[in-house]
Amino acid sequence: MKLELTKPLCFFDLETTGTAIAKDRIVEMAVLKVHPNGTREMKEWRVNPEQPIPLEASNVHGITDEMVANEPTFKELSKEIYSYIKGCDLAGYNSDRFDIPLLVEELLRAEIPFDFKNIKTVDVQTIFHKMEARTLSAALRFYCSQDLTDAHTAQADTQATHDVLIAQLERYSELEPNIDFLNSFSTRRKTADFAGFIVYDKSEAMCFGFGKHKGKKVTDVLAQEPGYFGWVLNADFPLYTKKLLTEIRLQELNTKS
């Protein structure tokens, strides 16, 4: 079944130094861009993360410090990567909770203010878990009768994610092949900052999604406990979360003045 696209959809996967959104870095990125007319193009980048790659991470994706020592940094690649995905919707496997938040962090570190507000995302893992609950390798075997060779390389995982989504659309008649439906269906919960520290409540108000103020409106907390804003800015939270809170804080101050 052909995807019904109004703009390009970029399937992408990241291999990283670890799983901490605020601390870890990208070592490999692959993007499969599918255009509305059905044409496809693949790009792949190896990245010097500017920090040691832990052995446990290398054991997963096979990329070592020596292999990326002479590769460009993400900042050096950032304009090329941004140009490639700009104006596209995004799809991945567990991408809403990991790949997209980490990509946002890297772009902000490179001083590229990438605006995700008008981008729709499709998380193929969420569709899979709602339907069958397996791993990516099992999903490829289940839906496509294929074995995932070179698992945990960005290009292989990216291609597998694309293949699984197309097979899911073929298998489940209730899935509509358009991004609006897939975005809604594959979203676990609506977050404002992707990492899940700022979430929306039923009235579409932004609330904290963690800690002692979990479930409370951000504007109420910042008004009642101004020091909490400073604590978040100085703590180990993602840059995009801090950027969003700063925008909310400035908006509140401008409203009062």
C-alpha atoms as a PDB file:
ATOM      1  CA  MET A   1       0.000   0.000   0.000  1.00  0.00           C
ATOM      2  CA  LYS A   2       1.337   3.412  -0.949  1.00  0.00           C
ATOM      3  CA  LEU A   3       1.591   6.068   1.726  1.00  0.00           C
ATOM      4  CA  GLU A   4      -0.622   9.080   1.083  1.00  0.00           C
ATOM      5  CA  LEU A   5       1.779  11.969   1.598  1.00  0.00           C
ATOM      6  CA  THR A   6       1.323  15.701   1.204  1.00  0.00           C
ATOM      7  CA  LYS A   7       5.002  16.353   1.953  1.00  0.00           C
ATOM      8  CA  PRO A   8       8.083  14.131   2.304  1.00  0.00           C
ATOM      9  CA  LEU A   9       8.241  11.656   5.168  1.00  0.00           C
ATOM     10  CA  CYS A  10      11.686  10.991   6.628  1.00  0.00           C
ATOM     11  CA  PHE A  11      12.195   7.612   8.259  1.00  0.00           C
ATOM     12  CA  PHE A  12      15.284   7.910  10.448  1.00  0.00           C
ATOM     13  CA  ASP A  13      17.322   6.084  13.056  1.00  0.00           C
ATOM     14  CA  LEU A  14      20.110   7.143  15.405  1.00  0.00           C
ATOM     15  CA  GLU A  15      22.988   5.170  16.880  1.00  0.00           C
ATOM     16  CA  THR A  16      24.281   6.931  19.962  1.00  0.00           C
ATOM     17  CA  THR A  17      26.692   6.895  22.883  1.00  0.00           C
ATOM     18  CA  GLY A  18      23.822   5.973  25.221  1.00  0.00           C
ATOM     19  CA  THR A  19      20.184   6.626  26.064  1.00  0.00           C
ATOM     20  CA  ALA A  20      20.331   9.825  28.159  1.00  0.00           C
ATOM     21  CA  ILE A  21      18.652  12.550  26.092  1.00  0.00           C
ATOM     22  CA  ALA A  22      20.492  15.447  27.737  1.00  0.00           C
ATOM     23  CA  LYS A  23      23.948  13.846  27.870  1.00  0.00           C
ATOM     24  CA  ASP A  24      24.455  11.375  25.056  1.00  0.00           C
ATOM     25  CA  ARG A  25      25.429  12.090  21.466  1.00  0.00           C
ATOM     26  CA  ILE A  26      24.796  10.750  17.973  1.00  0.00           C
ATOM     27  CA  VAL A  27      27.465   8.554  16.354  1.00  0.00           C
ATOM     28  CA  GLU A  28      25.482   7.540  13.271  1.00  0.00           C
ATOM     29  CA  MET A  29      22.314   8.764  11.582  1.00  0.00           C
ATOM     30  CA  ALA A  30      20.449   7.424   8.568  1.00  0.00           C
ATOM     31  CA  VAL A  31      17.451   9.000   6.849  1.00  0.00           C
ATOM     32  CA  LEU A  32      15.220   7.440   4.207  1.00  0.00           C
ATOM     33  CA  LYS A  33      13.215  10.244   2.602  1.00  0.00           C
ATOM     34  CA  VAL A  34       9.993   9.144   0.895  1.00  0.00           C
ATOM     35  CA  HIS A  35       8.478  11.777  -1.398  1.00  0.00           C
ATOM     36  CA  PRO A  36       4.750  12.182  -2.155  1.00  0.00           C
ATOM     37  CA  ASN A  37       5.349  10.818  -5.669  1.00  0.00           C
ATOM     38  CA  GLY A  38       6.839   7.635  -4.190  1.00  0.00           C
ATOM     39  CA  THR A  39      10.502   8.292  -4.972  1.00  0.00           C
ATOM     40  CA  ARG A  40      13.002   7.545  -2.201  1.00  0.00           C
ATOM     41  CA  GLU A  41      16.487   8.640  -1.265  1.00  0.00           C
ATOM     42  CA  MET A  42      18.766   7.497   1.567  1.00  0.00           C
ATOM     43  CA  LYS A  43      21.438   9.472   3.392  1.00  0.00           C
ATOM     44  CA  GLU A  44      23.756   8.278   6.136  1.00  0.00           C
ATOM     45  CA  TRP A  45      26.242  10.095   8.344  1.00  0.00           C
ATOM     46  CA  ARG A  46      28.927   8.891  10.760  1.00  0.00           C
ATOM     47  CA  VAL A  47      29.498  11.416  13.517  1.00  0.00           C
ATOM     48  CA  ASN A  48      32.315  12.154  15.940  1.00  0.00           C
ATOM     49  CA  PRO A  49      30.400  12.512  19.229  1.00  0.00           C
ATOM     50  CA  GLU A  50      33.226  14.452  20.905  1.00  0.00           C
ATOM     51  CA  GLN A  51      33.039  12.121  23.870  1.00  0.00           C
ATOM     52  CA  PRO A  52      34.028   8.491  24.485  1.00  0.00           C
ATOM     53  CA  ILE A  53      31.657   5.799  23.249  1.00  0.00           C
ATOM     54  CA  PRO A  54      31.017   3.397  26.161  1.00  0.00           C
ATOM     55  CA  LEU A  55      31.857  -0.244  25.521  1.00  0.00           C
ATOM     56  CA  GLU A  56      28.250  -1.272  26.175  1.00  0.00           C
ATOM     57  CA  ALA A  57      27.092   1.091  23.408  1.00  0.00           C
ATOM     58  CA  SER A  58      29.751  -0.162  20.990  1.00  0.00           C
ATOM     59  CA  ASN A  59      28.660  -3.719  21.735  1.00  0.00           C
ATOM     60  CA  VAL A  60      25.156  -2.793  20.511  1.00  0.00           C
ATOM     61  CA  HIS A  61      25.895  -0.874  17.296  1.00  0.00           C
ATOM     62  CA  GLY A  62      29.507  -1.880  16.599  1.00  0.00           C
ATOM     63  CA  ILE A  63      30.825   1.687  16.352  1.00  0.00           C
ATOM     64  CA  THR A  64      34.003   2.454  18.321  1.00  0.00           C
ATOM     65  CA  ASP A  65      35.935   5.625  19.157  1.00  0.00           C
ATOM     66  CA  GLU A  66      38.532   4.769  16.507  1.00  0.00           C
ATOM     67  CA  MET A  67      35.862   4.424  13.794  1.00  0.00           C
ATOM     68  CA  VAL A  68      34.555   7.984  14.293  1.00  0.00           C
ATOM     69  CA  ALA A  69      37.762   9.754  15.354  1.00  0.00           C
ATOM     70  CA  ASN A  70      38.183  11.395  11.943  1.00  0.00           C
ATOM     71  CA  GLU A  71      34.499  11.917  11.199  1.00  0.00           C
ATOM     72  CA  PRO A  72      32.894  15.388  11.337  1.00  0.00           C
ATOM     73  CA  THR A  73      31.107  16.496  14.497  1.00  0.00           C
ATOM     74  CA  PHE A  74      27.326  16.902  14.567  1.00  0.00           C
ATOM     75  CA  LYS A  75      27.748  20.672  14.574  1.00  0.00           C
ATOM     76  CA  GLU A  76      29.778  20.434  11.374  1.00  0.00           C
ATOM     77  CA  LEU A  77      27.058  18.264   9.798  1.00  0.00           C
ATOM     78  CA  SER A  78      24.086  20.058  11.339  1.00  0.00           C
ATOM     79  CA  LYS A  79      23.272  22.402   8.440  1.00  0.00           C
ATOM     80  CA  GLU A  80      23.377  19.537   5.935  1.00  0.00           C
ATOM     81  CA  ILE A  81      21.175  17.329   8.136  1.00  0.00           C
ATOM     82  CA  TYR A  82      18.760  20.160   8.886  1.00  0.00           C
ATOM     83  CA  SER A  83      18.494  21.031   5.186  1.00  0.00           C
ATOM     84  CA  TYR A  84      17.732  17.402   4.352  1.00  0.00           C
ATOM     85  CA  ILE A  85      14.875  16.957   6.846  1.00  0.00           C
ATOM     86  CA  LYS A  86      13.497  20.511   6.824  1.00  0.00           C
ATOM     87  CA  GLY A  87       9.856  20.642   5.771  1.00  0.00           C
ATOM     88  CA  CYS A  88       9.366  16.897   6.225  1.00  0.00           C
ATOM     89  CA  ASP A  89       7.352  14.801   8.642  1.00  0.00           C
ATOM     90  CA  LEU A  90       9.322  12.242  10.677  1.00  0.00           C
ATOM     91  CA  ALA A  91       8.941   8.516  11.286  1.00  0.00           C
ATOM     92  CA  GLY A  92      10.976   6.068  13.319  1.00  0.00           C
ATOM     93  CA  TYR A  93      10.946   3.153  15.722  1.00  0.00           C
ATOM     94  CA  ASN A  94      10.568   4.417  19.314  1.00  0.00           C
ATOM     95  CA  SER A  95      11.337   7.801  17.772  1.00  0.00           C
ATOM     96  CA  ASP A  96       8.839   9.871  19.766  1.00  0.00           C
ATOM     97  CA  ARG A  97      10.490   8.903  23.055  1.00  0.00           C
ATOM     98  CA  PHE A  98      14.149   8.713  22.016  1.00  0.00           C
ATOM     99  CA  ASP A  99      15.344   9.574  18.498  1.00  0.00           C
ATOM    100  CA  ILE A 100      13.407  12.828  18.064  1.00  0.00           C
ATOM    101  CA  PRO A 101      14.196  14.276  21.531  1.00  0.00           C
ATOM    102  CA  LEU A 102      17.887  13.440  21.097  1.00  0.00           C
ATOM    103  CA  LEU A 103      17.975  14.888  17.573  1.00  0.00           C
ATOM    104  CA  VAL A 104      16.375  18.084  18.886  1.00  0.00           C
ATOM    105  CA  GLU A 105      19.097  18.307  21.544  1.00  0.00           C
ATOM    106  CA  GLU A 106      21.860  17.951  18.978  1.00  0.00           C
ATOM    107  CA  LEU A 107      20.315  20.606  16.722  1.00  0.00           C
ATOM    108  CA  LEU A 108      19.980  23.039  19.616  1.00  0.00           C
ATOM    109  CA  ARG A 109      23.592  22.423  20.661  1.00  0.00           C
ATOM    110  CA  ALA A 110      24.550  23.281  17.084  1.00  0.00           C
ATOM    111  CA  GLU A 111      22.521  26.505  17.483  1.00  0.00           C
ATOM    112  CA  ILE A 112      19.921  25.482  14.905  1.00  0.00           C
ATOM    113  CA  PRO A 113      16.478  26.430  16.315  1.00  0.00           C
ATOM    114  CA  PHE A 114      14.570  23.676  14.529  1.00  0.00           C
ATOM    115  CA  ASP A 115      10.847  24.193  15.061  1.00  0.00           C
ATOM    116  CA  PHE A 116       8.958  20.909  15.483  1.00  0.00           C
ATOM    117  CA  LYS A 117       5.564  22.493  16.081  1.00  0.00           C
ATOM    118  CA  ASN A 118       4.289  21.927  12.532  1.00  0.00           C
ATOM    119  CA  ILE A 119       5.851  18.499  12.092  1.00  0.00           C
ATOM    120  CA  LYS A 120       3.826  15.322  12.364  1.00  0.00           C
ATOM    121  CA  THR A 121       5.525  12.169  13.611  1.00  0.00           C
ATOM    122  CA  VAL A 122       4.786   8.465  13.167  1.00  0.00           C
ATOM    123  CA  ASP A 123       6.204   6.040  15.724  1.00  0.00           C
ATOM    124  CA  VAL A 124       6.147   2.593  14.117  1.00  0.00           C
ATOM    125  CA  GLN A 125       6.938   0.922  17.454  1.00  0.00           C
ATOM    126  CA  THR A 126       3.741   2.295  18.976  1.00  0.00           C
ATOM    127  CA  ILE A 127       1.671   0.933  16.094  1.00  0.00           C
ATOM    128  CA  PHE A 128       3.400  -2.420  16.497  1.00  0.00           C
ATOM    129  CA  HIS A 129       2.887  -2.516  20.271  1.00  0.00           C
ATOM    130  CA  LYS A 130      -0.777  -1.614  19.907  1.00  0.00           C
ATOM    131  CA  MET A 131      -1.208  -4.446  17.431  1.00  0.00           C
ATOM    132  CA  GLU A 132       1.285  -7.160  18.375  1.00  0.00           C
ATOM    133  CA  ALA A 133       3.874  -6.016  21.004  1.00  0.00           C
ATOM    134  CA  ARG A 134       7.306  -7.207  19.715  1.00  0.00           C
ATOM    135  CA  THR A 135      10.827  -5.931  18.922  1.00  0.00           C
ATOM    136  CA  LEU A 136      11.859  -4.412  15.577  1.00  0.00           C
ATOM    137  CA  SER A 137      13.529  -7.664  14.492  1.00  0.00           C
ATOM    138  CA  ALA A 138      10.380  -9.605  15.406  1.00  0.00           C
ATOM    139  CA  ALA A 139       8.227  -6.989  13.698  1.00  0.00           C
ATOM    140  CA  LEU A 140      10.170  -7.363  10.447  1.00  0.00           C
ATOM    141  CA  ARG A 141       9.899 -11.138  10.666  1.00  0.00           C
ATOM    142  CA  PHE A 142       6.195 -10.997  11.601  1.00  0.00           C
ATOM    143  CA  TYR A 143       5.081  -8.489   8.987  1.00  0.00           C
ATOM    144  CA  CYS A 144       7.598  -8.989   6.173  1.00  0.00           C
ATOM    145  CA  SER A 145       8.904 -12.555   6.684  1.00  0.00           C
ATOM    146  CA  GLN A 146      12.432 -11.126   6.704  1.00  0.00           C
ATOM    147  CA  ASP A 147      15.350 -11.393   9.114  1.00  0.00           C
ATOM    148  CA  LEU A 148      16.950  -8.130  10.192  1.00  0.00           C
ATOM    149  CA  THR A 149      20.591  -8.372   9.160  1.00  0.00           C
ATOM    150  CA  ASP A 150      23.000  -5.719  10.430  1.00  0.00           C
ATOM    151  CA  ALA A 151      20.618  -4.854  13.265  1.00  0.00           C
ATOM    152  CA  HIS A 152      21.590  -1.718  15.191  1.00  0.00           C
ATOM    153  CA  THR A 153      23.158  -0.069  12.196  1.00  0.00           C
ATOM    154  CA  ALA A 154      21.274   3.106  11.435  1.00  0.00           C
ATOM    155  CA  GLN A 155      20.640   2.321   7.766  1.00  0.00           C
ATOM    156  CA  ALA A 156      19.407  -1.236   8.339  1.00  0.00           C
ATOM    157  CA  ASP A 157      17.085  -0.157  11.170  1.00  0.00           C
ATOM    158  CA  THR A 158      15.788   2.777   9.123  1.00  0.00           C
ATOM    159  CA  GLN A 159      14.977   0.561   6.126  1.00  0.00           C
ATOM    160  CA  ALA A 160      13.363  -2.038   8.407  1.00  0.00           C
ATOM    161  CA  THR A 161      11.175   0.636  10.025  1.00  0.00           C
ATOM    162  CA  HIS A 162       9.942   1.771   6.618  1.00  0.00           C
ATOM    163  CA  ASP A 163       9.238  -1.814   5.512  1.00  0.00           C
ATOM    164  CA  VAL A 164       7.339  -2.615   8.720  1.00  0.00           C
ATOM    165  CA  LEU A 165       5.100   0.456   8.401  1.00  0.00           C
ATOM    166  CA  ILE A 166       4.197  -0.389   4.799  1.00  0.00           C
ATOM    167  CA  ALA A 167       3.442  -3.987   5.852  1.00  0.00           C
ATOM    168  CA  GLN A 168       1.335  -2.756   8.781  1.00  0.00           C
ATOM    169  CA  LEU A 169      -0.757  -0.686   6.381  1.00  0.00           C
ATOM    170  CA  GLU A 170      -1.253  -3.750   4.194  1.00  0.00           C
ATOM    171  CA  ARG A 171      -2.216  -5.985   7.125  1.00  0.00           C
ATOM    172  CA  TYR A 172      -4.569  -3.734   9.121  1.00  0.00           C
ATOM    173  CA  SER A 173      -7.458  -2.293   7.179  1.00  0.00           C
ATOM    174  CA  GLU A 174      -8.285   0.027  10.072  1.00  0.00           C
ATOM    175  CA  LEU A 175      -5.000   1.880   9.577  1.00  0.00           C
ATOM    176  CA  GLU A 176      -5.319   4.793   7.177  1.00  0.00           C
ATOM    177  CA  PRO A 177      -2.231   5.478   5.009  1.00  0.00           C
ATOM    178  CA  ASN A 178      -2.069   9.195   5.733  1.00  0.00           C
ATOM    179  CA  ILE A 179       0.142  11.035   8.197  1.00  0.00           C
ATOM    180  CA  ASP A 180      -2.663  12.717  10.159  1.00  0.00           C
ATOM    181  CA  PHE A 181      -4.134   9.339  11.114  1.00  0.00           C
ATOM    182  CA  LEU A 182      -0.792   7.609  11.709  1.00  0.00           C
ATOM    183  CA  ASN A 183       0.479  10.509  13.806  1.00  0.00           C
ATOM    184  CA  SER A 184      -2.604  10.359  16.025  1.00  0.00           C
ATOM    185  CA  PHE A 185      -2.634   6.560  16.241  1.00  0.00           C
ATOM    186  CA  SER A 186       1.067   6.227  17.066  1.00  0.00           C
ATOM    187  CA  THR A 187       1.201   8.956  19.733  1.00  0.00           C
ATOM    188  CA  ARG A 188       1.291   7.488  23.248  1.00  0.00           C
ATOM    189  CA  ARG A 189       0.647  10.792  24.973  1.00  0.00           C
ATOM    190  CA  LYS A 190       0.741  14.365  23.813  1.00  0.00           C
ATOM    191  CA  THR A 191       3.921  16.090  24.920  1.00  0.00           C
ATOM    192  CA  ALA A 192       5.080  19.654  24.403  1.00  0.00           C
ATOM    193  CA  ASP A 193       8.815  18.979  24.549  1.00  0.00           C
ATOM    194  CA  PHE A 194       9.045  15.449  23.029  1.00  0.00           C
ATOM    195  CA  ALA A 195      11.049  14.180  26.007  1.00  0.00           C
ATOM    196  CA  GLY A 196       7.873  14.070  28.118  1.00  0.00           C
ATOM    197  CA  PHE A 197       8.839  16.514  30.849  1.00  0.00           C
ATOM    198  CA  ILE A 198       6.147  18.950  29.674  1.00  0.00           C
ATOM    199  CA  VAL A 199       2.814  17.360  28.714  1.00  0.00           C
ATOM    200  CA  TYR A 200      -0.654  18.540  27.750  1.00  0.00           C
ATOM    201  CA  ASP A 201      -3.700  17.906  29.921  1.00  0.00           C
ATOM    202  CA  LYS A 202      -7.242  17.354  28.644  1.00  0.00           C
ATOM    203  CA  SER A 203      -7.772  21.097  28.270  1.00  0.00           C
ATOM    204  CA  GLU A 204      -4.555  21.416  26.182  1.00  0.00           C
ATOM    205  CA  ALA A 205      -2.791  23.288  29.005  1.00  0.00           C
ATOM    206  CA  MET A 206       0.920  22.536  29.441  1.00  0.00           C
ATOM    207  CA  CYS A 207       1.701  20.691  32.669  1.00  0.00           C
ATOM    208  CA  PHE A 208       4.785  19.222  34.279  1.00  0.00           C
ATOM    209  CA  GLY A 209       5.115  15.523  33.560  1.00  0.00           C
ATOM    210  CA  PHE A 210       7.546  14.708  36.362  1.00  0.00           C
ATOM    211  CA  GLY A 211       8.529  15.345  39.958  1.00  0.00           C
ATOM    212  CA  LYS A 212       6.685  17.004  42.785  1.00  0.00           C
ATOM    213  CA  HIS A 213       4.644  19.189  40.412  1.00  0.00           C
ATOM    214  CA  LYS A 214       3.602  16.368  38.090  1.00  0.00           C
ATOM    215  CA  GLY A 215       0.165  17.125  36.617  1.00  0.00           C
ATOM    216  CA  LYS A 216       0.238  20.784  37.650  1.00  0.00           C
ATOM    217  CA  LYS A 217      -0.004  23.571  35.083  1.00  0.00           C
ATOM    218  CA  VAL A 218       3.378  25.042  34.213  1.00  0.00           C
ATOM    219  CA  THR A 219       2.095  28.618  34.437  1.00  0.00           C
ATOM    220  CA  ASP A 220       0.696  28.009  37.939  1.00  0.00           C
ATOM    221  CA  VAL A 221       3.922  26.462  39.223  1.00  0.00           C
ATOM    222  CA  LEU A 222       6.140  29.195  37.778  1.00  0.00           C
ATOM    223  CA  ALA A 223       3.895  31.866  39.317  1.00  0.00           C
ATOM    224  CA  GLN A 224       3.734  30.224  42.745  1.00  0.00           C
ATOM    225  CA  GLU A 225       7.315  28.932  42.905  1.00  0.00           C
ATOM    226  CA  PRO A 226       9.595  31.073  40.695  1.00  0.00           C
ATOM    227  CA  GLY A 227      12.678  29.280  41.999  1.00  0.00           C
ATOM    228  CA  TYR A 228      11.555  26.062  40.323  1.00  0.00           C
ATOM    229  CA  PHE A 229      12.233  27.623  36.930  1.00  0.00           C
ATOM    230  CA  GLY A 230      15.834  28.361  37.927  1.00  0.00           C
ATOM    231  CA  TRP A 231      16.262  24.852  39.299  1.00  0.00           C
ATOM    232  CA  VAL A 232      15.153  23.274  36.008  1.00  0.00           C
ATOM    233  CA  LEU A 233      17.475  25.528  33.989  1.00  0.00           C
ATOM    234  CA  ASN A 234      20.463  24.517  36.104  1.00  0.00           C
ATOM    235  CA  ALA A 235      19.580  20.821  36.317  1.00  0.00           C
ATOM    236  CA  ASP A 236      20.261  18.048  33.819  1.00  0.00           C
ATOM    237  CA  PHE A 237      17.187  18.476  31.620  1.00  0.00           C
ATOM    238  CA  PRO A 238      17.096  18.515  27.787  1.00  0.00           C
ATOM    239  CA  LEU A 239      17.819  21.847  26.133  1.00  0.00           C
ATOM    240  CA  TYR A 240      14.485  21.822  24.338  1.00  0.00           C
ATOM    241  CA  THR A 241      12.636  21.443  27.656  1.00  0.00           C
ATOM    242  CA  LYS A 242      14.549  24.427  29.051  1.00  0.00           C
ATOM    243  CA  LYS A 243      13.882  26.434  25.885  1.00  0.00           C
ATOM    244  CA  LEU A 244      10.148  25.755  26.115  1.00  0.00           C
ATOM    245  CA  LEU A 245       9.981  26.698  29.803  1.00  0.00           C
ATOM    246  CA  THR A 246      11.901  29.887  29.085  1.00  0.00           C
ATOM    247  CA  GLU A 247       9.386  30.828  26.378  1.00  0.00           C
ATOM    248  CA  ILE A 248       6.490  30.197  28.784  1.00  0.00           C
ATOM    249  CA  ARG A 249       8.195  32.205  31.520  1.00  0.00           C
ATOM    250  CA  LEU A 250       8.889  35.167  29.225  1.00  0.00           C
ATOM    251  CA  GLN A 251       5.336  35.093  27.934  1.00  0.00           C
ATOM    252  CA  GLU A 252       4.006  35.233  31.483  1.00  0.00           C
ATOM    253  CA  LEU A 253       6.315  38.137  32.383  1.00  0.00           C
ATOM    254  CA  ASN A 254       5.290  40.065  29.260  1.00  0.00           C
ATOM    255  CA  THR A 255       1.627  39.509  30.085  1.00  0.00           C
ATOM    256  CA  LYS A 256       2.098  40.983  33.563  1.00  0.00           C
ATOM    257  CA  SER A 257       4.100  44.005  32.389  1.00  0.00           C
END
